[in-house]
């Protein structure tokens, strides 16, 4: 017959204090003198006592759980964001509760509102337009956004999207490419920032840009768009894609069409997902430091839960990663 688990009364008896004192200490609702806290810690360690999380949450009104919504968990960028966020959450004794909205804007609000009722705070990745996001302020929970918001007073973390595509464009210009296309995802607010970065760089040398769009930020969408871009009336020498998944799908379709990358067309992406290191050819990209993004967002939220109400946007600097998909000099 197994030995019964120690109770809060056992801790109180061993430490020589009241049950109320143990309860307040465990739940963090009151601090005591160093000698008293030392006795309490020693008793808890000796007995191997573990508090009941449900009971603790009823007392403190805290779940020690943080919600994280991502747009598509199958996208390695978001997988890495989750890894980074979870690493910091565990370090601070928080549990991460994940919701995948599956790139469905209609599901975002109901899923986030349901999640908010079960957690102490949220990290939110959203595609909803700015003018449709005021309800986030009414959730009554600390929030951190994985994008900059121009109108919402909410802390946020993200990369400099204009700089990311400017760097890619400058790299391609230095290699001698002159006819450019951008293959974007118009449903994402940051898409305009990425187009701006390309155009800003091309304007400095008097070149234009053809802009194309896909219906989803996925490999399949990149595949479907390739023939439209490459077999149209204005065939580009270089294609800058909204993200790595689109770029990898584009390269796959180009190869099937007999178009060699990078001899016939250079292709780049953004995010530096692991697949890009093993694709054929390997993919030139911009490292958005996805795990660091998750870590910073989680730390920012934990700081907010501790009372830090500073509203700021933390910008992560993008890093150019040059590989074979742009190696050919024209």
Protein backbone atom coordinates (compact mmCIF):
# COMPACT_ATOMS: atom_id res chain seq x y z
CA UNK A 1 0.00 0.00 0.00
CA UNK A 2 1.50 3.34 -1.07
CA UNK A 3 2.37 5.98 1.48
CA UNK A 4 -0.13 8.87 1.50
CA UNK A 5 1.12 12.15 0.05
CA UNK A 6 2.12 14.76 2.63
CA UNK A 7 -0.45 17.47 3.29
CA UNK A 8 -0.25 21.14 4.15
CA UNK A 9 -0.98 20.15 7.77
CA UNK A 10 2.08 17.90 7.78
CA UNK A 11 4.22 20.82 6.58
CA UNK A 12 2.76 23.09 9.26
CA UNK A 13 3.40 20.55 12.02
CA UNK A 14 7.01 19.91 10.95
CA UNK A 15 7.77 23.62 10.59
CA UNK A 16 6.03 24.55 13.83
CA UNK A 17 3.70 27.10 12.22
CA UNK A 18 0.00 27.40 11.45
CA UNK A 19 -1.66 25.92 8.39
CA UNK A 20 -2.56 29.47 7.34
CA UNK A 21 1.11 30.46 7.36
CA UNK A 22 2.02 27.54 5.09
CA UNK A 23 -0.84 28.36 2.74
CA UNK A 24 0.18 32.02 2.43
CA UNK A 25 3.81 31.06 1.84
CA UNK A 26 3.04 28.44 -0.82
CA UNK A 27 0.63 30.68 -2.67
CA UNK A 28 2.89 33.71 -2.48
CA UNK A 29 0.26 35.91 -0.85
CA UNK A 30 2.50 36.93 2.05
CA UNK A 31 6.21 37.10 2.84
CA UNK A 32 7.66 36.09 6.22
CA UNK A 33 10.94 36.56 8.03
CA UNK A 34 13.96 34.71 6.70
CA UNK A 35 14.05 32.20 9.61
CA UNK A 36 10.37 31.33 9.15
CA UNK A 37 10.70 30.95 5.39
CA UNK A 38 13.80 28.82 5.85
CA UNK A 39 11.86 26.47 8.17
CA UNK A 40 9.00 26.28 5.71
CA UNK A 41 11.31 25.46 2.78
CA UNK A 42 13.12 22.83 4.82
CA UNK A 43 9.85 21.17 5.85
CA UNK A 44 8.55 21.15 2.28
CA UNK A 45 11.80 19.63 0.99
CA UNK A 46 11.97 17.01 3.73
CA UNK A 47 8.38 15.89 3.21
CA UNK A 48 8.46 16.21 -0.58
CA UNK A 49 5.26 18.23 -0.41
CA UNK A 50 3.74 19.45 -3.72
CA UNK A 51 0.93 21.98 -3.77
CA UNK A 52 -2.25 21.32 -5.71
CA UNK A 53 -2.17 23.63 -8.78
CA UNK A 54 -5.97 23.87 -8.92
CA UNK A 55 -6.23 24.79 -5.26
CA UNK A 56 -3.41 27.27 -5.65
CA UNK A 57 -5.11 28.96 -8.59
CA UNK A 58 -8.33 29.30 -6.58
CA UNK A 59 -6.44 31.16 -3.86
CA UNK A 60 -4.19 33.34 -6.01
CA UNK A 61 -6.58 33.77 -8.96
CA UNK A 62 -3.59 32.80 -11.13
CA UNK A 63 -3.31 29.72 -13.33
CA UNK A 64 0.48 29.92 -13.91
CA UNK A 65 -0.49 29.33 -17.54
CA UNK A 66 0.24 31.56 -20.52
CA UNK A 67 -1.62 31.37 -23.81
CA UNK A 68 0.12 31.56 -27.18
CA UNK A 69 -1.73 31.75 -30.48
CA UNK A 70 0.10 31.03 -33.73
CA UNK A 71 -1.12 31.32 -37.30
CA UNK A 72 0.04 27.89 -38.47
CA UNK A 73 1.99 25.45 -36.31
CA UNK A 74 3.10 23.52 -39.42
CA UNK A 75 5.16 26.56 -40.43
CA UNK A 76 8.63 26.05 -38.89
CA UNK A 77 8.85 29.78 -38.13
CA UNK A 78 5.99 29.47 -35.65
CA UNK A 79 7.27 26.14 -34.34
CA UNK A 80 10.49 27.91 -33.39
CA UNK A 81 8.59 30.81 -31.81
CA UNK A 82 6.81 28.27 -29.61
CA UNK A 83 10.10 26.60 -28.67
CA UNK A 84 11.61 29.90 -27.59
CA UNK A 85 8.53 30.99 -25.66
CA UNK A 86 8.17 27.65 -23.89
CA UNK A 87 11.82 27.68 -22.84
CA UNK A 88 11.33 30.95 -20.95
CA UNK A 89 7.93 29.93 -19.58
CA UNK A 90 9.35 26.77 -18.01
CA UNK A 91 12.20 28.75 -16.50
CA UNK A 92 9.63 30.90 -14.69
CA UNK A 93 7.37 28.00 -13.67
CA UNK A 94 4.66 28.77 -16.24
CA UNK A 95 2.87 26.30 -18.47
CA UNK A 96 2.31 27.20 -22.12
CA UNK A 97 -1.13 26.66 -23.63
CA UNK A 98 -0.97 26.72 -27.44
CA UNK A 99 -3.72 27.49 -29.95
CA UNK A 100 -3.24 27.17 -33.72
CA UNK A 101 -5.71 29.37 -35.64
CA UNK A 102 -4.75 27.60 -38.89
CA UNK A 103 -4.52 30.82 -40.97
CA UNK A 104 -8.27 31.34 -40.51
CA UNK A 105 -9.17 34.92 -39.65
CA UNK A 106 -12.78 34.01 -38.82
CA UNK A 107 -11.57 31.70 -36.04
CA UNK A 108 -9.09 34.10 -34.46
CA UNK A 109 -11.35 36.14 -32.19
CA UNK A 110 -13.44 33.27 -30.70
CA UNK A 111 -10.33 31.14 -30.12
CA UNK A 112 -8.39 33.97 -28.46
CA UNK A 113 -11.35 34.98 -26.29
CA UNK A 114 -11.80 31.39 -25.12
CA UNK A 115 -8.09 31.05 -24.42
CA UNK A 116 -8.01 34.31 -22.46
CA UNK A 117 -10.44 32.90 -19.87
CA UNK A 118 -8.02 30.07 -19.04
CA UNK A 119 -4.67 31.86 -18.77
CA UNK A 120 -2.91 34.69 -16.93
CA UNK A 121 -1.72 36.42 -20.10
CA UNK A 122 -1.40 35.95 -23.84
CA UNK A 123 1.11 36.17 -26.69
CA UNK A 124 -0.85 36.74 -29.88
CA UNK A 125 0.00 36.29 -33.54
CA UNK A 126 -2.86 37.64 -35.67
CA UNK A 127 -3.78 38.45 -39.25
CA UNK A 128 -6.84 40.52 -38.28
CA UNK A 129 -6.78 44.11 -39.61
CA UNK A 130 -5.79 46.81 -37.13
CA UNK A 131 -9.26 48.37 -37.23
CA UNK A 132 -10.82 45.05 -36.22
CA UNK A 133 -8.52 44.36 -33.26
CA UNK A 134 -9.69 46.81 -30.56
CA UNK A 135 -11.42 43.95 -28.74
CA UNK A 136 -8.00 42.66 -27.68
CA UNK A 137 -7.85 45.54 -25.19
CA UNK A 138 -11.09 44.31 -23.59
CA UNK A 139 -9.77 40.84 -22.70
CA UNK A 140 -8.54 42.13 -19.34
CA UNK A 141 -5.28 40.17 -19.54
CA UNK A 142 -1.67 41.25 -20.18
CA UNK A 143 -0.85 40.86 -23.87
CA UNK A 144 2.17 40.82 -26.15
CA UNK A 145 1.76 40.93 -29.93
CA UNK A 146 4.07 39.22 -32.40
CA UNK A 147 3.90 42.27 -34.69
CA UNK A 148 3.96 46.03 -34.33
CA UNK A 149 0.59 47.71 -33.83
CA UNK A 150 0.20 51.33 -34.85
CA UNK A 151 -3.09 51.89 -33.01
CA UNK A 152 -3.21 49.42 -30.11
CA UNK A 153 -1.39 50.23 -26.88
CA UNK A 154 0.04 46.73 -26.52
CA UNK A 155 3.70 45.64 -26.17
CA UNK A 156 5.01 43.86 -29.25
CA UNK A 157 7.97 42.00 -30.72
CA UNK A 158 8.94 41.64 -34.37
CA UNK A 159 11.62 42.08 -36.99
CA UNK A 160 12.38 45.06 -39.20
CA UNK A 161 10.56 43.81 -42.30
CA UNK A 162 11.67 46.68 -44.52
CA UNK A 163 15.29 46.08 -43.67
CA UNK A 164 14.89 42.34 -44.31
CA UNK A 165 13.83 42.76 -47.93
CA UNK A 166 16.16 45.72 -48.49
CA UNK A 167 19.08 43.45 -47.53
CA UNK A 168 17.93 40.72 -49.91
CA UNK A 169 17.50 43.20 -52.75
CA UNK A 170 20.90 44.79 -52.17
CA UNK A 171 22.49 41.34 -52.17
CA UNK A 172 20.86 40.49 -55.53
CA UNK A 173 21.83 43.82 -57.06
CA UNK A 174 25.43 43.26 -56.01
CA UNK A 175 25.32 39.94 -57.89
CA UNK A 176 24.20 41.71 -61.06
CA UNK A 177 20.46 40.96 -61.13
CA UNK A 178 18.27 43.72 -62.59
CA UNK A 179 14.77 42.34 -63.33
CA UNK A 180 12.97 41.78 -60.02
CA UNK A 181 9.66 40.26 -58.90
CA UNK A 182 8.21 40.07 -55.41
CA UNK A 183 5.94 37.13 -54.59
CA UNK A 184 3.96 38.18 -51.57
CA UNK A 185 1.05 37.28 -49.29
CA UNK A 186 -1.28 40.26 -49.31
CA UNK A 187 -3.38 39.13 -46.34
CA UNK A 188 -0.43 39.80 -44.02
CA UNK A 189 -0.01 43.40 -42.83
CA UNK A 190 3.76 43.04 -42.91
CA UNK A 191 3.57 42.23 -46.62
CA UNK A 192 3.40 45.95 -47.47
CA UNK A 193 6.48 46.59 -45.32
CA UNK A 194 8.38 43.92 -47.20
CA UNK A 195 7.36 45.33 -50.59
CA UNK A 196 8.48 48.77 -49.41
CA UNK A 197 11.93 47.42 -48.52
CA UNK A 198 12.40 45.98 -52.01
CA UNK A 199 11.14 49.11 -53.76
CA UNK A 200 13.20 51.41 -51.59
CA UNK A 201 16.38 49.60 -52.61
CA UNK A 202 15.44 49.37 -56.30
CA UNK A 203 14.44 53.05 -56.45
CA UNK A 204 17.99 53.97 -55.46
CA UNK A 205 19.24 52.47 -58.73
CA UNK A 206 16.26 53.40 -60.89
CA UNK A 207 14.74 49.93 -61.26
CA UNK A 208 11.11 48.83 -61.08
CA UNK A 209 9.39 45.88 -59.40
CA UNK A 210 6.69 43.43 -60.50
CA UNK A 211 4.49 42.37 -57.58
CA UNK A 212 2.61 39.07 -57.48
CA UNK A 213 0.46 37.55 -54.75
CA UNK A 214 -0.38 34.11 -53.37
CA UNK A 215 -3.48 32.94 -51.48
CA UNK A 216 -1.54 31.38 -48.59
CA UNK A 217 2.01 31.52 -47.13
CA UNK A 218 2.70 27.87 -47.97
CA UNK A 219 4.82 25.60 -50.19
CA UNK A 220 1.78 24.68 -52.27
CA UNK A 221 0.97 28.33 -52.94
CA UNK A 222 4.55 28.96 -54.05
CA UNK A 223 4.34 26.01 -56.44
CA UNK A 224 1.10 27.24 -57.97
CA UNK A 225 2.44 30.77 -58.48
CA UNK A 226 5.68 29.76 -60.21
CA UNK A 227 4.33 29.24 -63.74
CA UNK A 228 2.34 32.48 -63.55
CA UNK A 229 5.47 34.43 -62.61
CA UNK A 230 8.04 32.68 -64.79
CA UNK A 231 5.98 32.00 -67.93
CA UNK A 232 4.30 35.41 -68.06
CA UNK A 233 5.21 38.32 -70.31
CA UNK A 234 7.79 39.78 -67.88
CA UNK A 235 10.09 36.98 -66.77
CA UNK A 236 12.20 38.09 -63.77
CA UNK A 237 15.85 37.38 -63.13
CA UNK A 238 15.30 37.38 -59.35
CA UNK A 239 12.26 36.58 -57.18
CA UNK A 240 12.01 37.68 -53.55
CA UNK A 241 9.35 35.65 -51.74
CA UNK A 242 7.29 36.63 -48.69
CA UNK A 243 8.64 33.66 -46.74
CA UNK A 244 10.76 30.54 -47.09
CA UNK A 245 7.84 28.16 -47.59
CA UNK A 246 6.64 30.07 -50.64
CA UNK A 247 10.22 30.23 -51.94
CA UNK A 248 10.78 26.49 -51.51
CA UNK A 249 7.54 25.67 -53.31
CA UNK A 250 8.50 28.09 -56.08
CA UNK A 251 11.89 26.40 -56.53
CA UNK A 252 10.26 22.96 -56.68
CA UNK A 253 7.89 24.05 -59.44
CA UNK A 254 10.64 25.90 -61.32
CA UNK A 255 12.74 22.75 -61.37
CA UNK A 256 9.79 20.78 -62.75
CA UNK A 257 9.43 23.38 -65.53
CA UNK A 258 13.09 22.99 -66.47
CA UNK A 259 14.06 26.36 -64.99
CA UNK A 260 17.37 26.23 -63.17
CA UNK A 261 17.78 28.06 -59.85
CA UNK A 262 19.92 30.16 -59.68
CA UNK A 263 21.22 30.04 -63.28
CA UNK A 264 17.90 31.09 -64.83
CA UNK A 265 16.37 32.86 -61.83
CA UNK A 266 17.54 33.66 -58.31
CA UNK A 267 15.08 32.94 -55.49
CA UNK A 268 15.07 34.14 -51.88
CA UNK A 269 12.85 33.74 -48.85
CA UNK A 270 12.46 35.07 -45.32
CA UNK A 271 12.53 33.22 -41.95
CA UNK A 272 15.54 30.92 -42.40
CA UNK A 273 13.56 27.76 -41.69
CA UNK A 274 15.58 24.52 -41.36
CA UNK A 275 14.32 23.16 -44.71
CA UNK A 276 16.24 25.89 -46.49
CA UNK A 277 19.55 24.39 -45.41
CA UNK A 278 18.81 21.05 -47.07
CA UNK A 279 16.83 22.07 -50.16
CA UNK A 280 18.33 21.77 -53.63
CA UNK A 281 19.60 24.39 -54.12
CA UNK A 282 19.93 25.59 -50.56
CA UNK A 283 17.91 28.75 -49.97
CA UNK A 284 19.18 32.28 -49.46
CA UNK A 285 17.03 33.80 -46.75
CA UNK A 286 16.78 36.28 -43.91
CA UNK A 287 17.04 34.90 -40.41
CA UNK A 288 14.15 36.36 -38.39
CA UNK A 289 15.51 34.72 -35.21
CA UNK A 290 12.20 33.00 -34.52
CA UNK A 291 13.23 31.32 -31.27
CA UNK A 292 14.60 34.60 -29.94
CA UNK A 293 11.30 36.25 -30.89
CA UNK A 294 9.43 33.72 -28.75
CA UNK A 295 11.86 34.11 -25.87
CA UNK A 296 11.65 37.91 -25.88
CA UNK A 297 7.85 37.92 -26.17
CA UNK A 298 7.50 35.50 -23.26
CA UNK A 299 9.89 37.46 -21.05
CA UNK A 300 8.03 40.66 -21.90
CA UNK A 301 4.74 39.05 -20.89
CA UNK A 302 6.14 37.67 -17.65
CA UNK A 303 7.44 41.16 -16.85
CA UNK A 304 3.94 42.52 -17.50
CA UNK A 305 2.44 39.93 -15.16
CA UNK A 306 4.90 41.15 -12.51
CA UNK A 307 3.65 44.73 -12.91
CA UNK A 308 5.79 46.17 -15.70
CA UNK A 309 3.22 48.04 -17.79
CA UNK A 310 5.67 49.58 -20.29
CA UNK A 311 4.28 49.56 -23.82
CA UNK A 312 7.10 49.24 -26.33
CA UNK A 313 7.93 47.52 -29.58
CA UNK A 314 11.08 45.41 -29.50
CA UNK A 315 12.66 45.11 -32.93
CA UNK A 316 14.78 42.07 -33.74
CA UNK A 317 17.46 42.77 -36.32
CA UNK A 318 17.24 40.50 -39.40
CA UNK A 319 20.33 38.65 -40.62
CA UNK A 320 21.10 37.86 -44.26
CA UNK A 321 21.88 34.16 -44.88
CA UNK A 322 23.46 33.63 -48.32
CA UNK A 323 23.18 30.18 -49.90
CA UNK A 324 23.09 28.56 -53.34
CA UNK A 325 19.74 29.89 -54.64
CA UNK A 326 21.39 33.28 -55.40
CA UNK A 327 24.96 32.12 -56.02
CA UNK A 328 25.07 32.70 -59.78
CA UNK A 329 26.47 36.08 -60.86
CA UNK A 330 24.87 37.37 -64.02
